[in-house]
Amino acid sequence: MFRRAIQQTAGFRVAARTPTYGPSTALRIPSIALGAIRRPYSTEPGKEDGDKAREVNAENGNGNGNGKSTAAKTDPLNTIEELNKCKTDVEAKTKEAADFKDKFLRSVAEFRNLQDRTEREVRQAKDFAIQKFAKDLVESVDNMDLALSAVPEASRNSTSPEHKDLVDLYKGLRLTEKILLNTLKKHGLEKLNPLGEKFDPNMHEATFQARVEGKEPGTVFHVQRTGFTLNGRILRAAQVGIVQAAP
């Protein structure tokens, strides 16, 4: 059919070149042939395209009033249910966020407490690292005190040539003790001599009691062995004798 149309078109072209002298000589072209000729070269949508366009228009409600709108009508009940569901979800998330915040604050507080406790333990370990060494060292200080107390008081400041060596020895021991105590003080170790002070059971160790005229009861009147403190903590309590109250 297409080939026949081409042939007829070719005949029409030939006839069109011949001059026409009247209406009787006009060439009539069948409409079928014209449709067959126009379709391969036409840019207009065909029947199928037109049907599809009409279907789309009918679905979108853009036709001649016969199309139905696909937009669903809003149901008030569904809207209320969705709002309630959203409200419940928001409340649950708010509660969850509050729980997370509480856990976070607790974790931060615990971490800060751990930091403070660690710093305190480190500081204490640093301050009392020499505690065992200091306990052994105070025995040497006691021996130094015994050596100094062995020198009679009358001979300590004597100008006699006979006591010159003894006086020099005493002065040397006293100077050595002073340097030693200053060195220990730099490291937090201090000597505790509570003579004349009120008895304190946290710092003193009472070895005996005696009545002493002119002394207030409970006062330390004799120091048998001096005590020591390490960075404010009692390393060794002083052994003392205290005044006994009158019956």
Protein backbone atom coordinates (compact mmCIF):
# COMPACT_ATOMS: atom_id res chain seq x y z
CA MET A 1 0.00 0.00 0.00
CA PHE A 2 2.83 2.33 0.83
CA ARG A 3 4.50 1.58 -2.50
CA ARG A 4 1.24 2.30 -4.34
CA ALA A 5 0.97 5.60 -2.54
CA ILE A 6 4.50 6.49 -3.58
CA GLN A 7 3.66 5.70 -7.15
CA GLN A 8 0.52 7.80 -7.02
CA THR A 9 2.51 10.62 -5.48
CA ALA A 10 5.02 10.40 -8.28
CA GLY A 11 2.18 10.53 -10.81
CA PHE A 12 0.79 13.54 -9.01
CA ARG A 13 4.08 15.31 -9.25
CA VAL A 14 4.24 14.66 -12.98
CA ALA A 15 0.72 15.83 -13.47
CA ALA A 16 1.39 18.91 -11.44
CA ARG A 17 4.08 19.96 -13.91
CA THR A 18 1.64 19.84 -16.85
CA PRO A 19 -0.35 22.96 -17.39
CA THR A 20 -4.04 22.72 -16.66
CA TYR A 21 -6.53 24.31 -19.07
CA GLY A 22 -9.73 23.70 -17.18
CA PRO A 23 -11.41 22.16 -14.28
CA SER A 24 -11.88 18.88 -16.10
CA THR A 25 -8.17 18.32 -16.31
CA ALA A 26 -7.51 18.63 -12.52
CA LEU A 27 -5.95 15.60 -10.85
CA ARG A 28 -7.72 14.22 -7.83
CA ILE A 29 -5.59 12.51 -5.15
CA PRO A 30 -7.26 9.96 -2.91
CA SER A 31 -7.42 10.88 0.74
CA ILE A 32 -6.02 7.51 1.69
CA ALA A 33 -2.89 8.21 -0.29
CA LEU A 34 -2.49 11.62 1.28
CA GLY A 35 -2.76 10.11 4.75
CA ALA A 36 -0.21 7.48 3.85
CA ILE A 37 2.12 10.13 2.56
CA ARG A 38 1.72 12.50 5.49
CA ARG A 39 2.10 9.95 8.33
CA PRO A 40 5.77 8.99 7.82
CA TYR A 41 6.81 12.65 7.74
CA SER A 42 4.37 14.13 10.27
CA THR A 43 5.49 15.31 13.72
CA GLU A 44 1.97 15.33 15.16
CA PRO A 45 1.03 12.55 17.62
CA GLY A 46 -0.75 9.63 16.00
CA LYS A 47 -3.73 7.78 17.18
CA GLU A 48 -1.84 5.92 19.90
CA ASP A 49 -0.21 9.09 21.18
CA GLY A 50 -3.57 10.83 21.15
CA ASP A 51 -5.14 7.99 23.11
CA LYS A 52 -2.39 8.13 25.69
CA ALA A 53 -2.74 11.90 25.99
CA ARG A 54 -6.47 11.59 26.46
CA GLU A 55 -5.96 8.92 29.14
CA VAL A 56 -3.51 11.14 31.01
CA ASN A 57 -5.91 14.07 30.80
CA ALA A 58 -8.74 11.90 32.04
CA GLU A 59 -6.67 10.73 35.02
CA ASN A 60 -5.63 14.28 35.89
CA GLY A 61 -9.19 15.59 35.54
CA ASN A 62 -8.21 17.92 32.67
CA GLY A 63 -10.64 16.46 30.19
CA ASN A 64 -14.16 17.49 29.35
CA GLY A 65 -15.33 17.07 32.92
CA ASN A 66 -15.45 13.29 32.69
CA GLY A 67 -12.12 12.70 34.57
CA LYS A 68 -12.07 11.94 38.24
CA SER A 69 -9.56 13.59 40.63
CA THR A 70 -7.09 11.16 42.29
CA ALA A 71 -6.43 13.43 45.27
CA ALA A 72 -7.65 11.64 48.37
CA LYS A 73 -9.89 13.54 50.64
CA THR A 74 -8.41 14.37 54.07
CA ASP A 75 -9.86 12.25 56.87
CA PRO A 76 -10.07 14.14 60.21
CA LEU A 77 -9.79 10.92 62.22
CA ASN A 78 -6.57 9.94 60.47
CA THR A 79 -5.17 13.42 61.06
CA ILE A 80 -5.91 13.26 64.80
CA GLU A 81 -4.36 9.81 65.06
CA GLU A 82 -1.21 11.01 63.31
CA LEU A 83 -1.00 14.04 65.61
CA ASN A 84 -1.38 11.86 68.70
CA LYS A 85 1.26 9.49 67.40
CA CYS A 86 3.65 12.37 66.74
CA LYS A 87 2.98 13.78 70.21
CA THR A 88 3.71 10.38 71.80
CA ASP A 89 6.92 10.05 69.81
CA VAL A 90 8.05 13.54 70.84
CA GLU A 91 7.36 12.81 74.51
CA ALA A 92 9.28 9.53 74.30
CA LYS A 93 12.24 11.22 72.61
CA THR A 94 12.18 14.05 75.16
CA LYS A 95 12.29 11.56 78.02
CA GLU A 96 15.08 9.65 76.33
CA ALA A 97 17.05 12.87 75.84
CA ALA A 98 16.58 13.75 79.53
CA ASP A 99 17.85 10.30 80.53
CA PHE A 100 20.89 10.71 78.32
CA LYS A 101 21.57 14.15 79.79
CA ASP A 102 21.32 12.80 83.35
CA LYS A 103 23.71 9.94 82.50
CA PHE A 104 26.10 12.39 80.87
CA LEU A 105 26.12 14.70 83.90
CA ARG A 106 26.66 11.77 86.23
CA SER A 107 29.53 10.52 84.09
CA VAL A 108 31.14 13.96 84.10
CA ALA A 109 30.78 14.22 87.89
CA GLU A 110 32.26 10.75 88.40
CA PHE A 111 35.14 11.58 86.08
CA ARG A 112 35.89 14.81 87.93
CA ASN A 113 35.76 13.00 91.27
CA LEU A 114 38.12 10.42 89.87
CA GLN A 115 40.48 13.18 88.73
CA ASP A 116 40.43 14.84 92.16
CA ARG A 117 40.94 11.54 93.95
CA THR A 118 43.79 10.60 91.63
CA GLU A 119 45.48 13.97 92.10
CA ARG A 120 45.10 13.66 95.87
CA GLU A 121 46.53 10.15 95.88
CA VAL A 122 49.43 11.21 93.68
CA ARG A 123 50.14 14.16 95.96
CA GLN A 124 49.99 11.97 99.06
CA ALA A 125 52.21 9.38 97.44
CA LYS A 126 54.69 12.11 96.62
CA ASP A 127 54.53 13.67 100.09
CA PHE A 128 54.88 10.39 101.98
CA ALA A 129 57.11 8.49 99.61
CA ILE A 130 60.01 8.89 102.06
CA GLN A 131 57.96 7.85 105.10
CA LYS A 132 59.76 4.53 105.57
CA PHE A 133 63.13 6.14 105.00
CA ALA A 134 62.26 8.96 107.41
CA LYS A 135 61.35 6.47 110.17
CA ASP A 136 64.77 4.90 109.88
CA LEU A 137 66.44 8.28 109.72
CA VAL A 138 64.95 9.65 112.92
CA GLU A 139 66.85 7.00 114.85
CA SER A 140 70.05 8.72 113.77
CA VAL A 141 68.67 12.03 115.01
CA ASP A 142 67.93 10.37 118.37
CA ASN A 143 71.52 9.15 118.58
CA MET A 144 72.69 12.65 117.79
CA ASP A 145 70.59 13.99 120.67
CA LEU A 146 72.04 11.37 123.00
CA ALA A 147 75.56 12.34 122.02
CA LEU A 148 74.83 16.00 122.67
CA SER A 149 73.15 15.33 125.99
CA ALA A 150 76.17 13.27 127.10
CA VAL A 151 78.30 16.40 127.24
CA PRO A 152 77.92 18.09 130.65
CA GLU A 153 76.37 21.51 130.56
CA ALA A 154 79.24 22.93 132.58
CA SER A 155 81.75 21.87 129.95
CA ARG A 156 79.80 23.00 126.88
CA ASN A 157 80.85 26.64 127.19
CA SER A 158 84.06 26.13 129.14
CA THR A 159 87.09 28.24 128.21
CA SER A 160 89.54 25.92 129.93
CA PRO A 161 92.22 24.45 127.67
CA GLU A 162 91.49 21.06 129.17
CA HIS A 163 87.93 21.11 127.82
CA LYS A 164 88.79 22.70 124.49
CA ASP A 165 88.51 19.46 122.51
CA LEU A 166 85.24 18.56 124.20
CA VAL A 167 83.81 22.01 123.49
CA ASP A 168 84.85 21.76 119.84
CA LEU A 169 83.28 18.32 119.58
CA TYR A 170 80.05 19.57 121.10
CA LYS A 171 79.93 22.57 118.75
CA GLY A 172 80.60 20.31 115.76
CA LEU A 173 77.81 17.91 116.77
CA ARG A 174 75.43 20.78 117.37
CA LEU A 175 76.22 22.26 113.93
CA THR A 176 75.80 18.83 112.31
CA GLU A 177 72.45 18.36 113.99
CA LYS A 178 71.29 21.79 112.85
CA ILE A 179 72.23 21.11 109.22
CA LEU A 180 70.59 17.68 109.37
CA LEU A 181 67.35 19.05 110.79
CA ASN A 182 67.24 21.83 108.17
CA THR A 183 67.72 19.28 105.43
CA LEU A 184 64.95 17.08 106.81
CA LYS A 185 62.66 20.11 107.08
CA LYS A 186 63.07 20.82 103.38
CA HIS A 187 61.55 17.41 102.70
CA GLY A 188 58.68 17.89 105.19
CA LEU A 189 60.23 16.10 108.16
CA GLU A 190 60.19 18.26 111.30
CA LYS A 191 61.17 17.63 114.88
CA LEU A 192 58.49 17.79 117.58
CA ASN A 193 59.55 18.88 121.06
CA PRO A 194 56.40 19.49 123.18
CA LEU A 195 58.14 20.55 126.39
CA GLY A 196 55.85 22.88 128.40
CA GLU A 197 52.86 22.26 126.08
CA LYS A 198 49.50 20.80 126.94
CA PHE A 199 49.31 17.06 126.54
CA ASP A 200 47.75 16.01 123.21
CA PRO A 201 47.02 12.29 122.81
CA ASN A 202 47.10 12.63 119.02
CA MET A 203 50.68 13.87 119.05
CA HIS A 204 52.11 12.75 122.40
CA GLU A 205 52.62 9.43 124.11
CA ALA A 206 52.53 9.65 127.91
CA THR A 207 55.03 7.28 129.52
CA PHE A 208 54.59 8.40 133.15
CA GLN A 209 52.92 10.97 135.41
CA ALA A 210 54.31 12.87 138.39
CA ARG A 211 53.31 15.69 140.68
CA VAL A 212 55.26 18.87 139.98
CA GLU A 213 54.90 21.99 142.03
CA GLY A 214 54.03 25.09 140.06
CA LYS A 215 52.96 23.14 136.95
CA GLU A 216 49.46 22.85 135.65
CA PRO A 217 48.12 19.29 135.60
CA GLY A 218 48.28 17.72 132.14
CA THR A 219 51.31 19.74 131.10
CA VAL A 220 54.38 18.08 129.55
CA PHE A 221 57.29 18.64 131.91
CA HIS A 222 59.71 16.04 130.51
CA VAL A 223 60.48 14.81 126.97
CA GLN A 224 61.89 11.32 126.98
CA ARG A 225 62.05 11.05 123.19
CA THR A 226 61.23 13.74 120.67
CA GLY A 227 58.58 13.19 118.03
CA PHE A 228 58.54 13.87 114.29
CA THR A 229 55.95 14.99 111.75
CA LEU A 230 56.06 14.36 108.00
CA ASN A 231 54.14 16.97 105.97
CA GLY A 232 51.82 17.63 108.89
CA ARG A 233 51.19 13.96 109.65
CA ILE A 234 52.50 12.38 112.84
CA LEU A 235 55.40 10.14 111.92
CA ARG A 236 56.32 9.33 115.47
CA ALA A 237 54.63 10.50 118.66
CA ALA A 238 56.78 12.14 121.29
CA GLN A 239 57.25 10.15 124.48
CA VAL A 240 56.65 12.51 127.38
CA GLY A 241 56.00 12.75 131.07
CA ILE A 242 53.04 14.82 132.20
CA VAL A 243 52.11 16.58 135.40
CA GLN A 244 49.73 14.59 137.58
CA ALA A 245 46.78 16.34 139.18
CA ALA A 246 46.71 16.64 142.96
CA PRO A 247 44.41 14.19 144.80
